[in-house]
C-alpha atoms as a PDB file:
ATOM      1  CA  UNK A   1     -18.893   5.516 -42.024  1.00  0.00           C
ATOM      2  CA  UNK A   2     -20.112   2.908 -39.507  1.00  0.00           C
ATOM      3  CA  UNK A   3     -18.553  -0.394 -38.531  1.00  0.00           C
ATOM      4  CA  UNK A   4     -19.216  -3.197 -36.035  1.00  0.00           C
ATOM      5  CA  UNK A   5     -17.843  -1.107 -33.151  1.00  0.00           C
ATOM      6  CA  UNK A   6     -20.750   1.280 -32.709  1.00  0.00           C
ATOM      7  CA  UNK A   7     -19.616   3.813 -35.266  1.00  0.00           C
ATOM      8  CA  UNK A   8     -16.017   4.368 -34.134  1.00  0.00           C
ATOM      9  CA  UNK A   9     -13.659   4.630 -37.087  1.00  0.00           C
ATOM     10  CA  UNK A  10     -11.074   1.825 -36.885  1.00  0.00           C
ATOM     11  CA  UNK A  11      -8.172   4.033 -35.831  1.00  0.00           C
ATOM     12  CA  UNK A  12     -10.009   5.566 -32.894  1.00  0.00           C
ATOM     13  CA  UNK A  13     -11.097   2.158 -31.571  1.00  0.00           C
ATOM     14  CA  UNK A  14      -7.505   0.911 -31.707  1.00  0.00           C
ATOM     15  CA  UNK A  15      -6.296   4.007 -29.898  1.00  0.00           C
ATOM     16  CA  UNK A  16      -9.004   3.562 -27.268  1.00  0.00           C
ATOM     17  CA  UNK A  17      -7.986  -0.079 -26.768  1.00  0.00           C
ATOM     18  CA  UNK A  18      -4.302   0.900 -26.396  1.00  0.00           C
ATOM     19  CA  UNK A  19      -5.216   3.540 -23.811  1.00  0.00           C
ATOM     20  CA  UNK A  20      -7.333   1.015 -21.893  1.00  0.00           C
ATOM     21  CA  UNK A  21      -4.466  -1.483 -21.938  1.00  0.00           C
ATOM     22  CA  UNK A  22      -2.000   1.142 -20.666  1.00  0.00           C
ATOM     23  CA  UNK A  23      -4.418   2.118 -17.892  1.00  0.00           C
ATOM     24  CA  UNK A  24      -4.827  -1.541 -16.894  1.00  0.00           C
ATOM     25  CA  UNK A  25      -1.029  -1.937 -16.723  1.00  0.00           C
ATOM     26  CA  UNK A  26      -0.730   1.169 -14.527  1.00  0.00           C
ATOM     27  CA  UNK A  27      -3.510  -0.061 -12.245  1.00  0.00           C
ATOM     28  CA  UNK A  28      -1.854  -3.456 -11.888  1.00  0.00           C
ATOM     29  CA  UNK A  29       1.491  -1.842 -11.049  1.00  0.00           C
ATOM     30  CA  UNK A  30      -0.163   0.450  -8.504  1.00  0.00           C
ATOM     31  CA  UNK A  31      -1.964  -2.468  -6.846  1.00  0.00           C
ATOM     32  CA  UNK A  32       1.277  -4.433  -6.590  1.00  0.00           C
ATOM     33  CA  UNK A  33       3.077  -1.434  -5.091  1.00  0.00           C
ATOM     34  CA  UNK A  34       0.283  -0.892  -2.554  1.00  0.00           C
ATOM     35  CA  UNK A  35       0.432  -4.541  -1.486  1.00  0.00           C
ATOM     36  CA  UNK A  36       4.153  -4.128  -0.718  1.00  0.00           C
ATOM     37  CA  UNK A  37       3.620  -1.096   1.529  1.00  0.00           C
ATOM     38  CA  UNK A  38       3.407  -1.274   5.310  1.00  0.00           C
ATOM     39  CA  UNK A  39       1.343   0.858   7.663  1.00  0.00           C
ATOM     40  CA  UNK A  40       1.845   1.463  11.375  1.00  0.00           C
ATOM     41  CA  UNK A  41      -0.477   2.682  14.087  1.00  0.00           C
ATOM     42  CA  UNK A  42      -0.505   2.927  17.872  1.00  0.00           C
ATOM     43  CA  UNK A  43      -3.076   3.155  20.645  1.00  0.00           C
ATOM     44  CA  UNK A  44      -3.029   3.865  24.339  1.00  0.00           C
ATOM     45  CA  UNK A  45      -0.337   6.512  23.984  1.00  0.00           C
ATOM     46  CA  UNK A  46       1.963   4.026  22.251  1.00  0.00           C
ATOM     47  CA  UNK A  47       1.345   1.173  24.674  1.00  0.00           C
ATOM     48  CA  UNK A  48       0.133  -0.945  21.752  1.00  0.00           C
ATOM     49  CA  UNK A  49       1.671  -0.677  18.292  1.00  0.00           C
ATOM     50  CA  UNK A  50       1.041  -2.653  15.160  1.00  0.00           C
ATOM     51  CA  UNK A  51       2.228  -2.893  11.586  1.00  0.00           C
ATOM     52  CA  UNK A  52       0.061  -4.203   8.731  1.00  0.00           C
ATOM     53  CA  UNK A  53       0.719  -4.829   5.063  1.00  0.00           C
ATOM     54  CA  UNK A  54      -1.151  -3.433   2.102  1.00  0.00           C
ATOM     55  CA  UNK A  55      -2.651  -6.926   1.822  1.00  0.00           C
ATOM     56  CA  UNK A  56      -4.335  -6.369   5.214  1.00  0.00           C
ATOM     57  CA  UNK A  57      -2.073  -8.812   7.032  1.00  0.00           C
ATOM     58  CA  UNK A  58      -0.975  -8.110  10.584  1.00  0.00           C
ATOM     59  CA  UNK A  59       2.839  -8.179  10.416  1.00  0.00           C
ATOM     60  CA  UNK A  60       3.795  -7.095  13.916  1.00  0.00           C
ATOM     61  CA  UNK A  61       2.108  -6.402  17.223  1.00  0.00           C
ATOM     62  CA  UNK A  62       4.010  -4.802  20.109  1.00  0.00           C
ATOM     63  CA  UNK A  63       2.535  -4.466  23.591  1.00  0.00           C
ATOM     64  CA  UNK A  64       4.435  -2.559  26.262  1.00  0.00           C
ATOM     65  CA  UNK A  65       4.593  -4.463  29.585  1.00  0.00           C
ATOM     66  CA  UNK A  66       2.880  -1.631  31.456  1.00  0.00           C
ATOM     67  CA  UNK A  67      -0.193  -2.117  29.214  1.00  0.00           C
ATOM     68  CA  UNK A  68      -0.695  -5.636  30.547  1.00  0.00           C
ATOM     69  CA  UNK A  69      -2.983  -5.443  33.541  1.00  0.00           C
ATOM     70  CA  UNK A  70      -4.490  -8.830  34.469  1.00  0.00           C
ATOM     71  CA  UNK A  71      -7.328  -6.947  36.144  1.00  0.00           C
ATOM     72  CA  UNK A  72      -8.225  -5.065  32.930  1.00  0.00           C
ATOM     73  CA  UNK A  73      -7.730  -7.367  29.951  1.00  0.00           C
ATOM     74  CA  UNK A  74     -10.629  -5.657  28.188  1.00  0.00           C
ATOM     75  CA  UNK A  75      -8.720  -2.364  27.959  1.00  0.00           C
ATOM     76  CA  UNK A  76      -5.755  -4.154  26.365  1.00  0.00           C
ATOM     77  CA  UNK A  77      -8.072  -5.833  23.866  1.00  0.00           C
ATOM     78  CA  UNK A  78      -9.593  -2.465  23.000  1.00  0.00           C
ATOM     79  CA  UNK A  79      -6.160  -0.910  22.450  1.00  0.00           C
ATOM     80  CA  UNK A  80      -5.098  -3.794  20.183  1.00  0.00           C
ATOM     81  CA  UNK A  81      -8.272  -3.478  18.124  1.00  0.00           C
ATOM     82  CA  UNK A  82      -7.903   0.303  17.911  1.00  0.00           C
ATOM     83  CA  UNK A  83      -4.301   0.104  16.702  1.00  0.00           C
ATOM     84  CA  UNK A  84      -4.984  -2.616  14.124  1.00  0.00           C
ATOM     85  CA  UNK A  85      -8.105  -0.897  12.823  1.00  0.00           C
ATOM     86  CA  UNK A  86      -6.295   2.432  12.490  1.00  0.00           C
ATOM     87  CA  UNK A  87      -3.464   0.821  10.509  1.00  0.00           C
ATOM     88  CA  UNK A  88      -5.973  -0.921   8.234  1.00  0.00           C
ATOM     89  CA  UNK A  89      -7.828   2.373   7.686  1.00  0.00           C
ATOM     90  CA  UNK A  90      -4.527   3.998   6.686  1.00  0.00           C
ATOM     91  CA  UNK A  91      -3.915   1.208   4.161  1.00  0.00           C
ATOM     92  CA  UNK A  92      -7.439   1.572   2.766  1.00  0.00           C
ATOM     93  CA  UNK A  93      -7.135   5.345   2.464  1.00  0.00           C
ATOM     94  CA  UNK A  94      -3.808   5.046   0.676  1.00  0.00           C
ATOM     95  CA  UNK A  95      -5.310   2.504  -1.743  1.00  0.00           C
ATOM     96  CA  UNK A  96      -8.347   4.708  -2.346  1.00  0.00           C
ATOM     97  CA  UNK A  97      -6.218   7.820  -2.912  1.00  0.00           C
ATOM     98  CA  UNK A  98      -3.786   6.024  -5.219  1.00  0.00           C
ATOM     99  CA  UNK A  99      -6.335   4.185  -7.298  1.00  0.00           C
ATOM    100  CA  UNK A 100      -8.771   7.110  -7.346  1.00  0.00           C
ATOM    101  CA  UNK A 101      -6.119   9.397  -8.778  1.00  0.00           C
ATOM    102  CA  UNK A 102      -5.737   6.997 -11.702  1.00  0.00           C
ATOM    103  CA  UNK A 103      -9.441   6.833 -12.578  1.00  0.00           C
ATOM    104  CA  UNK A 104     -10.782   8.834 -15.509  1.00  0.00           C
ATOM    105  CA  UNK A 105     -12.439  12.147 -14.661  1.00  0.00           C
ATOM    106  CA  UNK A 106     -15.745  11.655 -12.892  1.00  0.00           C
ATOM    107  CA  UNK A 107     -15.001   8.044 -11.946  1.00  0.00           C
ATOM    108  CA  UNK A 108     -12.941   8.584  -8.795  1.00  0.00           C
ATOM    109  CA  UNK A 109     -15.132   6.278  -6.671  1.00  0.00           C
ATOM    110  CA  UNK A 110     -14.671   3.395  -9.087  1.00  0.00           C
ATOM    111  CA  UNK A 111     -12.033   1.671  -6.949  1.00  0.00           C
END
């Protein structure tokens, strides 16, 4: 028996749609939870620390006084970039791991 849905009997199509809706709800909840998380990283042996949100917003930046050398501003800039980039990578990895674990088999790279 064929119908307008590519040959799926009506009950199976409804079940498939319910499963897709449940998966979408779970994905939305996971995305919201990830956006609320915070990630920290440090560079220069802790001389520069930062905290970012799951939305990729810089929330806090702490620089120890001994890291401030007027003769070597470039090193301080490098430490700030390293700390921020590391925190952002942690947020991205957490998002990838969380969302990838929710993908159907064989579709882990979908998110």
